[in-house]
Amino acid sequence: MGIRRRFFRSDHPLEENTVSIRRNRRLLMEGCRRIVFCQSEKMILDGDVILEIHGKDLVLKELGNDVIGVEGVILAVVFREKNG
């Protein structure tokens, strides 16, 4: 399956979210501003968009300046626009 990548651009030209998914086992979100919700079956991340991750045995694996890594069995990823 490989890597799937999606870019979300805000009104500001330098702001960008990058989401990479490797198979259904690892997700990286660049441009993450905060963790809204974190449990082993559901995580919600906040960036230019709201990213909702559903799965089994989800754990945060990487925390960088604005990078979040999630590992586990990823069953679904929902992208939601922010209200305002």
Protein backbone atom coordinates (compact mmCIF):
# COMPACT_ATOMS: atom_id res chain seq x y z
CA MET A 1 0.00 0.00 0.00
CA GLY A 2 2.82 2.43 0.75
CA ILE A 3 2.51 5.95 2.10
CA ARG A 4 -0.48 8.20 1.58
CA ARG A 5 0.03 11.90 2.16
CA ARG A 6 -2.43 14.77 2.26
CA PHE A 7 -1.73 18.50 2.59
CA PHE A 8 -4.03 21.07 4.15
CA ARG A 9 -3.31 24.70 3.50
CA SER A 10 -4.57 27.57 5.60
CA ASP A 11 -4.92 31.19 4.49
CA HIS A 12 -1.35 31.85 5.59
CA PRO A 13 1.14 30.63 2.94
CA LEU A 14 3.62 29.25 5.50
CA GLU A 15 1.11 27.21 7.51
CA GLU A 16 0.54 23.68 6.32
CA ASN A 17 -0.48 20.33 7.80
CA THR A 18 1.00 17.17 6.37
CA VAL A 19 -0.51 13.82 7.28
CA SER A 20 1.32 10.63 6.33
CA ILE A 21 -0.12 7.15 6.86
CA ARG A 22 2.02 4.04 6.49
CA ARG A 23 -0.14 0.97 5.99
CA ASN A 24 -2.68 1.00 8.81
CA ARG A 25 -0.02 0.99 11.54
CA ARG A 26 1.55 4.46 11.70
CA LEU A 27 0.37 8.03 11.22
CA LEU A 28 2.43 11.24 11.34
CA MET A 29 0.87 14.69 11.51
CA GLU A 30 3.12 17.70 10.95
CA GLY A 31 1.70 21.05 12.00
CA CYS A 32 -0.12 19.65 15.02
CA ARG A 33 -0.91 22.33 17.58
CA ARG A 34 -2.41 20.25 20.39
CA ILE A 35 -3.79 16.88 21.43
CA VAL A 36 -7.53 17.27 22.06
CA PHE A 37 -8.33 13.68 23.10
CA CYS A 38 -6.08 10.65 23.66
CA GLN A 39 -7.19 7.09 24.40
CA SER A 40 -6.14 3.72 23.01
CA GLU A 41 -9.16 3.53 20.67
CA LYS A 42 -9.54 7.19 19.64
CA MET A 43 -7.30 10.24 19.30
CA ILE A 44 -8.15 13.77 18.19
CA LEU A 45 -5.38 16.09 17.00
CA ASP A 46 -5.72 19.82 16.30
CA GLY A 47 -3.87 21.63 13.51
CA ASP A 48 -5.21 23.57 10.55
CA VAL A 49 -7.83 20.79 10.48
CA ILE A 50 -9.14 18.48 13.20
CA LEU A 51 -7.85 14.94 12.72
CA GLU A 52 -9.81 12.13 14.39
CA ILE A 53 -8.09 8.73 14.47
CA HIS A 54 -9.98 5.54 15.34
CA GLY A 55 -8.24 2.24 15.98
CA LYS A 56 -6.96 -0.34 18.46
CA ASP A 57 -3.98 -0.04 20.80
CA LEU A 58 -3.22 3.51 19.64
CA VAL A 59 -0.22 5.15 21.32
CA LEU A 60 1.65 8.42 20.83
CA LYS A 61 5.12 7.53 19.60
CA GLU A 62 6.71 10.79 18.51
CA LEU A 63 6.34 14.25 19.90
CA GLY A 64 8.38 16.94 18.20
CA ASN A 65 8.02 20.69 17.84
CA ASP A 66 4.80 20.34 15.87
CA VAL A 67 4.90 16.65 14.90
CA ILE A 68 2.75 13.91 16.43
CA GLY A 69 3.21 10.21 15.66
CA VAL A 70 0.50 7.65 16.35
CA GLU A 71 1.07 3.90 16.17
CA GLY A 72 -1.33 0.99 16.52
CA VAL A 73 -4.01 -0.53 14.33
CA ILE A 74 -5.57 2.44 12.52
CA LEU A 75 -9.12 1.64 11.42
CA ALA A 76 -10.38 5.07 10.30
CA VAL A 77 -9.15 8.64 9.92
CA VAL A 78 -11.62 11.54 9.79
CA PHE A 79 -10.61 15.01 8.60
CA ARG A 80 -12.81 17.86 9.84
CA GLU A 81 -12.55 21.54 9.04
CA LYS A 82 -12.35 23.92 11.95
CA ASN A 83 -15.27 26.23 12.61
CA GLY A 84 -13.80 29.67 12.05
